[in-house]
Amino acid sequence: RTGAAILRYADELFFGILADYDAVAGADELARGIEAA
C-alpha cells in the first residue's frame, strides 16, 4: 500500500511517497516523520 523512492539531486535528498488513498491515511505524516528522523 505504500512505496517510497529516494533520489539525490544536486545538494538535496528527495523522498517521494506514493500510497493507496483509502488504505493508508497520513501519507504526509510519513514524509514529515522521515525529515524528523
Full PDB file with SEQRES, HELIX, SHEET, SSBOND, CRYST1, ORIGX, SCALE, CONECT and MASTER records, all heavy atoms in Angstrom:
SEQRES   1 A   37  ARG THR GLY ALA ALA ILE LEU ARG TYR ALA ASP GLU LEU          
SEQRES   2 A   37  PHE PHE GLY ILE LEU ALA ASP TYR ASP ALA VAL ALA GLY          
SEQRES   3 A   37  ALA ASP GLU LEU ALA ARG GLY ILE GLU ALA ALA                  
HELIX    1 AA1 ALA A   27  ALA A   36  1                                  10    
SHEET    1 AA1 2 THR A   2  TYR A   9  0                                        
SHEET    2 AA1 2 GLU A  12  ALA A  19 -1                                        
CRYST1    1.000    1.000    1.000  90.00  90.00  90.00 P 1           1          
ORIGX1      1.000000  0.000000  0.000000        0.00000                         
ORIGX2      0.000000  1.000000  0.000000        0.00000                         
ORIGX3      0.000000  0.000000  1.000000        0.00000                         
SCALE1      1.000000  0.000000  0.000000        0.00000                         
SCALE2      0.000000  1.000000  0.000000        0.00000                         
SCALE3      0.000000  0.000000  1.000000        0.00000                         
ATOM      1  N   ARG A   1       0.800  -1.213   0.000  1.00  0.00           N  
ATOM      2  CA  ARG A   1       0.000   0.000   0.000  1.00  0.00           C  
ATOM      3  C   ARG A   1       0.844   1.279   0.000  1.00  0.00           C  
ATOM      4  O   ARG A   1       0.292   2.360  -0.191  1.00  0.00           O  
ATOM      5  CB  ARG A   1      -0.944  -0.004   1.195  1.00  0.00           C  
ATOM      6  CG  ARG A   1      -2.063  -1.037   1.078  1.00  0.00           C  
ATOM      7  CD  ARG A   1      -2.851  -1.149   2.356  1.00  0.00           C  
ATOM      8  NE  ARG A   1      -4.081  -1.913   2.165  1.00  0.00           N  
ATOM      9  CZ  ARG A   1      -4.877  -2.295   3.151  1.00  0.00           C  
ATOM     10  NH1 ARG A   1      -4.576  -1.977   4.406  1.00  0.00           N  
ATOM     11  NH2 ARG A   1      -5.966  -2.977   2.911  1.00  0.00           N  
ATOM     12  N   THR A   2       2.117   1.159   0.253  1.00  0.00           N  
ATOM     13  CA  THR A   2       2.985   2.335   0.215  1.00  0.00           C  
ATOM     14  C   THR A   2       4.273   1.998  -0.525  1.00  0.00           C  
ATOM     15  O   THR A   2       4.776   0.875  -0.457  1.00  0.00           O  
ATOM     16  CB  THR A   2       3.355   2.826   1.628  1.00  0.00           C  
ATOM     17  OG1 THR A   2       4.018   1.771   2.347  1.00  0.00           O  
ATOM     18  CG2 THR A   2       2.133   3.284   2.397  1.00  0.00           C  
ATOM     19  N   GLY A   3       4.791   2.982  -1.215  1.00  0.00           N  
ATOM     20  CA  GLY A   3       6.090   2.852  -1.865  1.00  0.00           C  
ATOM     21  C   GLY A   3       6.861   4.136  -1.678  1.00  0.00           C  
ATOM     22  O   GLY A   3       6.290   5.236  -1.723  1.00  0.00           O  
ATOM     23  N   ALA A   4       8.152   4.027  -1.436  1.00  0.00           N  
ATOM     24  CA  ALA A   4       9.000   5.205  -1.261  1.00  0.00           C  
ATOM     25  C   ALA A   4      10.202   5.083  -2.188  1.00  0.00           C  
ATOM     26  O   ALA A   4      10.798   4.013  -2.306  1.00  0.00           O  
ATOM     27  CB  ALA A   4       9.457   5.348   0.188  1.00  0.00           C  
ATOM     28  N   ALA A   5      10.533   6.180  -2.829  1.00  0.00           N  
ATOM     29  CA  ALA A   5      11.739   6.233  -3.648  1.00  0.00           C  
ATOM     30  C   ALA A   5      12.580   7.403  -3.157  1.00  0.00           C  
ATOM     31  O   ALA A   5      12.048   8.439  -2.750  1.00  0.00           O  
ATOM     32  CB  ALA A   5      11.388   6.411  -5.124  1.00  0.00           C  
ATOM     33  N   ILE A   6      13.887   7.218  -3.178  1.00  0.00           N  
ATOM     34  CA  ILE A   6      14.813   8.231  -2.688  1.00  0.00           C  
ATOM     35  C   ILE A   6      15.756   8.608  -3.807  1.00  0.00           C  
ATOM     36  O   ILE A   6      16.355   7.738  -4.444  1.00  0.00           O  
ATOM     37  CB  ILE A   6      15.623   7.715  -1.477  1.00  0.00           C  
ATOM     38  CG1 ILE A   6      14.683   7.189  -0.386  1.00  0.00           C  
ATOM     39  CG2 ILE A   6      16.521   8.812  -0.925  1.00  0.00           C  
ATOM     40  CD1 ILE A   6      14.496   5.694  -0.397  1.00  0.00           C  
ATOM     41  N   LEU A   7      15.871   9.912  -4.078  1.00  0.00           N  
ATOM     42  CA  LEU A   7      16.690  10.394  -5.178  1.00  0.00           C  
ATOM     43  C   LEU A   7      17.573  11.533  -4.693  1.00  0.00           C  
ATOM     44  O   LEU A   7      17.103  12.451  -4.020  1.00  0.00           O  
ATOM     45  CB  LEU A   7      15.803  10.865  -6.326  1.00  0.00           C  
ATOM     46  CG  LEU A   7      16.485  11.400  -7.586  1.00  0.00           C  
ATOM     47  CD1 LEU A   7      15.679  11.020  -8.818  1.00  0.00           C  
ATOM     48  CD2 LEU A   7      16.646  12.914  -7.535  1.00  0.00           C  
ATOM     49  N   ARG A   8      18.842  11.472  -5.054  1.00  0.00           N  
ATOM     50  CA  ARG A   8      19.766  12.553  -4.720  1.00  0.00           C  
ATOM     51  C   ARG A   8      19.940  13.438  -5.955  1.00  0.00           C  
ATOM     52  O   ARG A   8      20.380  12.979  -7.004  1.00  0.00           O  
ATOM     53  CB  ARG A   8      21.110  11.990  -4.275  1.00  0.00           C  
ATOM     54  CG  ARG A   8      22.084  13.063  -3.801  1.00  0.00           C  
ATOM     55  CD  ARG A   8      23.266  12.452  -3.076  1.00  0.00           C  
ATOM     56  NE  ARG A   8      24.122  13.474  -2.478  1.00  0.00           N  
ATOM     57  CZ  ARG A   8      25.018  13.212  -1.525  1.00  0.00           C  
ATOM     58  NH1 ARG A   8      25.158  11.972  -1.073  1.00  0.00           N  
ATOM     59  NH2 ARG A   8      25.755  14.180  -1.029  1.00  0.00           N  
ATOM     60  N   TYR A   9      19.554  14.695  -5.806  1.00  0.00           N  
ATOM     61  CA  TYR A   9      19.682  15.651  -6.898  1.00  0.00           C  
ATOM     62  C   TYR A   9      20.381  16.898  -6.378  1.00  0.00           C  
ATOM     63  O   TYR A   9      19.947  17.500  -5.384  1.00  0.00           O  
ATOM     64  CB  TYR A   9      18.311  16.018  -7.461  1.00  0.00           C  
ATOM     65  CG  TYR A   9      18.322  17.200  -8.406  1.00  0.00           C  
ATOM     66  CD1 TYR A   9      19.000  17.129  -9.622  1.00  0.00           C  
ATOM     67  CD2 TYR A   9      17.675  18.393  -8.081  1.00  0.00           C  
ATOM     68  CE1 TYR A   9      19.024  18.212 -10.484  1.00  0.00           C  
ATOM     69  CE2 TYR A   9      17.685  19.476  -8.941  1.00  0.00           C  
ATOM     70  CZ  TYR A   9      18.368  19.381 -10.147  1.00  0.00           C  
ATOM     71  OH  TYR A   9      18.399  20.452 -10.999  1.00  0.00           O  
ATOM     72  N   ALA A  10      21.473  17.260  -7.048  1.00  0.00           N  
ATOM     73  CA  ALA A  10      22.259  18.430  -6.648  1.00  0.00           C  
ATOM     74  C   ALA A  10      22.643  18.299  -5.182  1.00  0.00           C  
ATOM     75  O   ALA A  10      23.315  17.341  -4.810  1.00  0.00           O  
ATOM     76  CB  ALA A  10      21.486  19.704  -6.945  1.00  0.00           C  
ATOM     77  N   ASP A  11      22.194  19.202  -4.320  1.00  0.00           N  
ATOM     78  CA  ASP A  11      22.643  19.172  -2.924  1.00  0.00           C  
ATOM     79  C   ASP A  11      21.554  18.741  -1.955  1.00  0.00           C  
ATOM     80  O   ASP A  11      21.618  19.037  -0.762  1.00  0.00           O  
ATOM     81  CB  ASP A  11      23.176  20.548  -2.507  1.00  0.00           C  
ATOM     82  CG  ASP A  11      22.126  21.645  -2.668  1.00  0.00           C  
ATOM     83  OD1 ASP A  11      21.034  21.349  -3.183  1.00  0.00           O  
ATOM     84  OD2 ASP A  11      22.410  22.790  -2.261  1.00  0.00           O  
ATOM     85  N   GLU A  12      20.529  18.020  -2.466  1.00  0.00           N  
ATOM     86  CA  GLU A  12      19.460  17.555  -1.583  1.00  0.00           C  
ATOM     87  C   GLU A  12      19.118  16.097  -1.856  1.00  0.00           C  
ATOM     88  O   GLU A  12      19.388  15.561  -2.933  1.00  0.00           O  
ATOM     89  CB  GLU A  12      18.204  18.413  -1.754  1.00  0.00           C  
ATOM     90  CG  GLU A  12      18.326  19.821  -1.208  1.00  0.00           C  
ATOM     91  CD  GLU A  12      16.998  20.549  -1.218  1.00  0.00           C  
ATOM     92  OE1 GLU A  12      16.685  21.168  -2.247  1.00  0.00           O  
ATOM     93  OE2 GLU A  12      16.269  20.481  -0.207  1.00  0.00           O  
ATOM     94  N   LEU A  13      18.494  15.465  -0.848  1.00  0.00           N  
ATOM     95  CA  LEU A  13      17.977  14.115  -0.961  1.00  0.00           C  
ATOM     96  C   LEU A  13      16.454  14.227  -0.943  1.00  0.00           C  
ATOM     97  O   LEU A  13      15.873  14.784   0.001  1.00  0.00           O  
ATOM     98  CB  LEU A  13      18.466  13.253   0.210  1.00  0.00           C  
ATOM     99  CG  LEU A  13      18.597  11.748  -0.038  1.00  0.00           C  
ATOM    100  CD1 LEU A  13      19.665  11.476  -1.085  1.00  0.00           C  
ATOM    101  CD2 LEU A  13      18.928  11.016   1.257  1.00  0.00           C  
ATOM    102  N   PHE A  14      15.803  13.710  -1.992  1.00  0.00           N  
ATOM    103  CA  PHE A  14      14.352  13.825  -2.134  1.00  0.00           C  
ATOM    104  C   PHE A  14      13.702  12.458  -1.933  1.00  0.00           C  
ATOM    105  O   PHE A  14      14.126  11.464  -2.549  1.00  0.00           O  
ATOM    106  CB  PHE A  14      13.990  14.373  -3.514  1.00  0.00           C  
ATOM    107  CG  PHE A  14      14.457  15.777  -3.758  1.00  0.00           C  
ATOM    108  CD1 PHE A  14      15.728  16.030  -4.273  1.00  0.00           C  
ATOM    109  CD2 PHE A  14      13.639  16.856  -3.466  1.00  0.00           C  
ATOM    110  CE1 PHE A  14      16.169  17.322  -4.498  1.00  0.00           C  
ATOM    111  CE2 PHE A  14      14.074  18.160  -3.694  1.00  0.00           C  
ATOM    112  CZ  PHE A  14      15.335  18.398  -4.204  1.00  0.00           C  
ATOM    113  N   PHE A  15      12.676  12.401  -1.085  1.00  0.00           N  
ATOM    114  CA  PHE A  15      11.894  11.190  -0.846  1.00  0.00           C  
ATOM    115  C   PHE A  15      10.526  11.383  -1.490  1.00  0.00           C  
ATOM    116  O   PHE A  15       9.805  12.328  -1.156  1.00  0.00           O  
ATOM    117  CB  PHE A  15      11.706  10.942   0.651  1.00  0.00           C  
ATOM    118  CG  PHE A  15      12.961  10.643   1.417  1.00  0.00           C  
ATOM    119  CD1 PHE A  15      13.861  11.643   1.720  1.00  0.00           C  
ATOM    120  CD2 PHE A  15      13.236   9.350   1.861  1.00  0.00           C  
ATOM    121  CE1 PHE A  15      15.020  11.383   2.439  1.00  0.00           C  
ATOM    122  CE2 PHE A  15      14.388   9.086   2.577  1.00  0.00           C  
ATOM    123  CZ  PHE A  15      15.279  10.094   2.870  1.00  0.00           C  
ATOM    124  N   GLY A  16      10.153  10.491  -2.403  1.00  0.00           N  
ATOM    125  CA  GLY A  16       8.823  10.518  -2.987  1.00  0.00           C  
ATOM    126  C   GLY A  16       8.020   9.341  -2.472  1.00  0.00           C  
ATOM    127  O   GLY A  16       8.492   8.199  -2.497  1.00  0.00           O  
ATOM    128  N   ILE A  17       6.805   9.580  -1.985  1.00  0.00           N  
ATOM    129  CA  ILE A  17       5.989   8.534  -1.352  1.00  0.00           C  
ATOM    130  C   ILE A  17       4.646   8.446  -2.051  1.00  0.00           C  
ATOM    131  O   ILE A  17       3.883   9.422  -2.097  1.00  0.00           O  
ATOM    132  CB  ILE A  17       5.779   8.824   0.145  1.00  0.00           C  
ATOM    133  CG1 ILE A  17       7.129   8.909   0.852  1.00  0.00           C  
ATOM    134  CG2 ILE A  17       4.894   7.761   0.784  1.00  0.00           C  
ATOM    135  CD1 ILE A  17       7.073   9.551   2.206  1.00  0.00           C  
ATOM    136  N   LEU A  18       4.355   7.294  -2.643  1.00  0.00           N  
ATOM    137  CA  LEU A  18       3.062   7.024  -3.260  1.00  0.00           C  
ATOM    138  C   LEU A  18       2.336   6.005  -2.396  1.00  0.00           C  
ATOM    139  O   LEU A  18       2.925   5.002  -1.984  1.00  0.00           O  
ATOM    140  CB  LEU A  18       3.232   6.492  -4.678  1.00  0.00           C  
ATOM    141  CG  LEU A  18       1.954   6.386  -5.515  1.00  0.00           C  
ATOM    142  CD1 LEU A  18       1.436   7.781  -5.888  1.00  0.00           C  
ATOM    143  CD2 LEU A  18       2.195   5.570  -6.782  1.00  0.00           C  
ATOM    144  N   ALA A  19       1.074   6.274  -2.101  1.00  0.00           N  
ATOM    145  CA  ALA A  19       0.315   5.386  -1.225  1.00  0.00           C  
ATOM    146  C   ALA A  19      -1.098   5.225  -1.738  1.00  0.00           C  
ATOM    147  O   ALA A  19      -1.603   6.055  -2.508  1.00  0.00           O  
ATOM    148  CB  ALA A  19       0.292   5.942   0.206  1.00  0.00           C  
ATOM    149  N   ASP A  20      -1.740   4.136  -1.317  1.00  0.00           N  
ATOM    150  CA  ASP A  20      -3.148   3.951  -1.624  1.00  0.00           C  
ATOM    151  C   ASP A  20      -3.956   4.984  -0.838  1.00  0.00           C  
ATOM    152  O   ASP A  20      -3.762   5.157   0.359  1.00  0.00           O  
ATOM    153  CB  ASP A  20      -3.584   2.532  -1.259  1.00  0.00           C  
ATOM    154  CG  ASP A  20      -5.026   2.275  -1.619  1.00  0.00           C  
ATOM    155  OD1 ASP A  20      -5.320   1.995  -2.789  1.00  0.00           O  
ATOM    156  OD2 ASP A  20      -5.872   2.369  -0.711  1.00  0.00           O  
ATOM    157  N   TYR A  21      -4.865   5.662  -1.506  1.00  0.00           N  
ATOM    158  CA  TYR A  21      -5.562   6.803  -0.905  1.00  0.00           C  
ATOM    159  C   TYR A  21      -6.409   6.390   0.296  1.00  0.00           C  
ATOM    160  O   TYR A  21      -6.381   7.034   1.347  1.00  0.00           O  
ATOM    161  CB  TYR A  21      -6.443   7.479  -1.957  1.00  0.00           C  
ATOM    162  CG  TYR A  21      -7.122   8.745  -1.473  1.00  0.00           C  
ATOM    163  CD1 TYR A  21      -6.470   9.971  -1.577  1.00  0.00           C  
ATOM    164  CD2 TYR A  21      -8.405   8.708  -0.929  1.00  0.00           C  
ATOM    165  CE1 TYR A  21      -7.080  11.141  -1.132  1.00  0.00           C  
ATOM    166  CE2 TYR A  21      -9.016   9.867  -0.487  1.00  0.00           C  
ATOM    167  CZ  TYR A  21      -8.352  11.076  -0.588  1.00  0.00           C  
ATOM    168  OH  TYR A  21      -8.964  12.227  -0.140  1.00  0.00           O  
ATOM    169  N   ASP A  22      -7.174   5.299   0.157  1.00  0.00           N  
ATOM    170  CA  ASP A  22      -8.099   4.912   1.211  1.00  0.00           C  
ATOM    171  C   ASP A  22      -7.440   4.061   2.296  1.00  0.00           C  
ATOM    172  O   ASP A  22      -7.837   4.123   3.460  1.00  0.00           O  
ATOM    173  CB  ASP A  22      -9.276   4.128   0.620  1.00  0.00           C  
ATOM    174  CG  ASP A  22     -10.145   5.004  -0.263  1.00  0.00           C  
ATOM    175  OD1 ASP A  22     -10.162   6.226  -0.035  1.00  0.00           O  
ATOM    176  OD2 ASP A  22     -10.793   4.466  -1.179  1.00  0.00           O  
ATOM    177  N   ALA A  23      -6.458   3.277   1.915  1.00  0.00           N  
ATOM    178  CA  ALA A  23      -5.895   2.320   2.867  1.00  0.00           C  
ATOM    179  C   ALA A  23      -4.833   2.926   3.768  1.00  0.00           C  
ATOM    180  O   ALA A  23      -4.621   2.464   4.891  1.00  0.00           O  
ATOM    181  CB  ALA A  23      -5.311   1.126   2.117  1.00  0.00           C  
ATOM    182  N   VAL A  24      -4.132   3.924   3.315  1.00  0.00           N  
ATOM    183  CA  VAL A  24      -3.021   4.494   4.088  1.00  0.00           C  
ATOM    184  C   VAL A  24      -3.310   5.965   4.361  1.00  0.00           C  
ATOM    185  O   VAL A  24      -3.045   6.826   3.530  1.00  0.00           O  
ATOM    186  CB  VAL A  24      -1.681   4.336   3.345  1.00  0.00           C  
ATOM    187  CG1 VAL A  24      -0.545   4.901   4.188  1.00  0.00           C  
ATOM    188  CG2 VAL A  24      -1.423   2.873   3.019  1.00  0.00           C  
ATOM    189  N   ALA A  25      -3.859   6.235   5.531  1.00  0.00           N  
ATOM    190  CA  ALA A  25      -4.105   7.625   5.928  1.00  0.00           C  
ATOM    191  C   ALA A  25      -2.804   8.229   6.455  1.00  0.00           C  
ATOM    192  O   ALA A  25      -1.973   7.559   7.045  1.00  0.00           O  
ATOM    193  CB  ALA A  25      -5.187   7.669   7.000  1.00  0.00           C  
ATOM    194  N   GLY A  26      -2.637   9.508   6.219  1.00  0.00           N  
ATOM    195  CA  GLY A  26      -1.482  10.197   6.775  1.00  0.00           C  
ATOM    196  C   GLY A  26      -0.192   9.957   6.037  1.00  0.00           C  
ATOM    197  O   GLY A  26       0.865   9.809   6.659  1.00  0.00           O  
ATOM    198  N   ALA A  27      -0.247   9.912   4.700  1.00  0.00           N  
ATOM    199  CA  ALA A  27       0.997   9.751   3.949  1.00  0.00           C  
ATOM    200  C   ALA A  27       1.926  10.935   4.187  1.00  0.00           C  
ATOM    201  O   ALA A  27       3.147  10.779   4.247  1.00  0.00           O  
ATOM    202  CB  ALA A  27       0.698   9.591   2.462  1.00  0.00           C  
ATOM    203  N   ASP A  28       1.343  12.120   4.333  1.00  0.00           N  
ATOM    204  CA  ASP A  28       2.174  13.288   4.618  1.00  0.00           C  
ATOM    205  C   ASP A  28       2.850  13.147   5.977  1.00  0.00           C  
ATOM    206  O   ASP A  28       3.970  13.636   6.178  1.00  0.00           O  
ATOM    207  CB  ASP A  28       1.325  14.558   4.575  1.00  0.00           C  
ATOM    208  CG  ASP A  28       2.166  15.812   4.653  1.00  0.00           C  
ATOM    209  OD1 ASP A  28       2.953  16.048   3.715  1.00  0.00           O  
ATOM    210  OD2 ASP A  28       2.053  16.548   5.650  1.00  0.00           O  
ATOM    211  N   GLU A  29       2.182  12.483   6.896  1.00  0.00           N  
ATOM    212  CA  GLU A  29       2.777  12.205   8.202  1.00  0.00           C  
ATOM    213  C   GLU A  29       4.029  11.344   8.051  1.00  0.00           C  
ATOM    214  O   GLU A  29       5.021  11.533   8.761  1.00  0.00           O  
ATOM    215  CB  GLU A  29       1.743  11.495   9.077  1.00  0.00           C  
ATOM    216  CG  GLU A  29       2.206  11.159  10.486  1.00  0.00           C  
ATOM    217  CD  GLU A  29       1.160  10.385  11.265  1.00  0.00           C  
ATOM    218  OE1 GLU A  29       0.104  10.058  10.688  1.00  0.00           O  
ATOM    219  OE2 GLU A  29       1.404  10.114  12.446  1.00  0.00           O  
ATOM    220  N   LEU A  30       3.989  10.414   7.105  1.00  0.00           N  
ATOM    221  CA  LEU A  30       5.155   9.584   6.842  1.00  0.00           C  
ATOM    222  C   LEU A  30       6.315  10.421   6.320  1.00  0.00           C  
ATOM    223  O   LEU A  30       7.469  10.239   6.741  1.00  0.00           O  
ATOM    224  CB  LEU A  30       4.789   8.488   5.832  1.00  0.00           C  
ATOM    225  CG  LEU A  30       5.886   7.511   5.410  1.00  0.00           C  
ATOM    226  CD1 LEU A  30       6.430   6.756   6.615  1.00  0.00           C  
ATOM    227  CD2 LEU A  30       5.351   6.530   4.373  1.00  0.00           C  
ATOM    228  N   ALA A  31       6.025  11.378   5.451  1.00  0.00           N  
ATOM    229  CA  ALA A  31       7.070  12.239   4.903  1.00  0.00           C  
ATOM    230  C   ALA A  31       7.696  13.114   5.977  1.00  0.00           C  
ATOM    231  O   ALA A  31       8.923  13.257   6.067  1.00  0.00           O  
ATOM    232  CB  ALA A  31       6.504  13.098   3.777  1.00  0.00           C  
ATOM    233  N   ARG A  32       6.834  13.736   6.802  1.00  0.00           N  
ATOM    234  CA  ARG A  32       7.373  14.604   7.859  1.00  0.00           C  
ATOM    235  C   ARG A  32       8.167  13.774   8.878  1.00  0.00           C  
ATOM    236  O   ARG A  32       9.147  14.258   9.453  1.00  0.00           O  
ATOM    237  CB  ARG A  32       6.229  15.325   8.569  1.00  0.00           C  
ATOM    238  CG  ARG A  32       5.322  16.177   7.665  1.00  0.00           C  
ATOM    239  CD  ARG A  32       6.012  17.417   7.126  1.00  0.00           C  
ATOM    240  NE  ARG A  32       6.958  17.139   6.056  1.00  0.00           N  
ATOM    241  CZ  ARG A  32       6.615  16.900   4.795  1.00  0.00           C  
ATOM    242  NH1 ARG A  32       5.353  16.832   4.437  1.00  0.00           N  
ATOM    243  NH2 ARG A  32       7.542  16.702   3.877  1.00  0.00           N  
ATOM    244  N   GLY A  33       7.761  12.543   9.092  1.00  0.00           N  
ATOM    245  CA  GLY A  33       8.499  11.677  10.008  1.00  0.00           C  
ATOM    246  C   GLY A  33       9.887  11.348   9.494  1.00  0.00           C  
ATOM    247  O   GLY A  33      10.835  11.200  10.270  1.00  0.00           O  
ATOM    248  N   ILE A  34      10.026  11.213   8.176  1.00  0.00           N  
ATOM    249  CA  ILE A  34      11.335  10.950   7.583  1.00  0.00           C  
ATOM    250  C   ILE A  34      12.272  12.127   7.831  1.00  0.00           C  
ATOM    251  O   ILE A  34      13.433  11.958   8.223  1.00  0.00           O  
ATOM    252  CB  ILE A  34      11.177  10.671   6.077  1.00  0.00           C  
ATOM    253  CG1 ILE A  34      10.492   9.319   5.858  1.00  0.00           C  
ATOM    254  CG2 ILE A  34      12.533  10.713   5.366  1.00  0.00           C  
ATOM    255  CD1 ILE A  34      10.113   9.048   4.417  1.00  0.00           C  
ATOM    256  N   GLU A  35      11.769  13.340   7.615  1.00  0.00           N  
ATOM    257  CA  GLU A  35      12.590  14.525   7.860  1.00  0.00           C  
ATOM    258  C   GLU A  35      13.008  14.621   9.317  1.00  0.00           C  
ATOM    259  O   GLU A  35      14.167  14.952   9.630  1.00  0.00           O  
ATOM    260  CB  GLU A  35      11.810  15.771   7.434  1.00  0.00           C  
ATOM    261  CG  GLU A  35      11.564  15.844   5.927  1.00  0.00           C  
ATOM    262  CD  GLU A  35      10.628  16.959   5.526  1.00  0.00           C  
ATOM    263  OE1 GLU A  35       9.896  17.465   6.402  1.00  0.00           O  
ATOM    264  OE2 GLU A  35      10.609  17.327   4.332  1.00  0.00           O  
ATOM    265  N   ALA A  36      12.074  14.313  10.232  1.00  0.00           N  
ATOM    266  CA  ALA A  36      12.394  14.370  11.657  1.00  0.00           C  
ATOM    267  C   ALA A  36      13.413  13.302  12.038  1.00  0.00           C  
ATOM    268  O   ALA A  36      14.297  13.538  12.878  1.00  0.00           O  
ATOM    269  CB  ALA A  36      11.115  14.200  12.484  1.00  0.00           C  
ATOM    270  N   ALA A  37      13.312  12.127  11.408  1.00  0.00           N  
ATOM    271  CA  ALA A  37      14.244  11.044  11.723  1.00  0.00           C  
ATOM    272  C   ALA A  37      15.663  11.394  11.294  1.00  0.00           C  
ATOM    273  O   ALA A  37      16.632  11.106  12.010  1.00  0.00           O  
ATOM    274  CB  ALA A  37      13.785   9.753  11.048  1.00  0.00           C  
TER     275      ALA A  37                                                      
MASTER        0    0    0    1    2    0    0    6  274    1    0    3          
END                                                                             
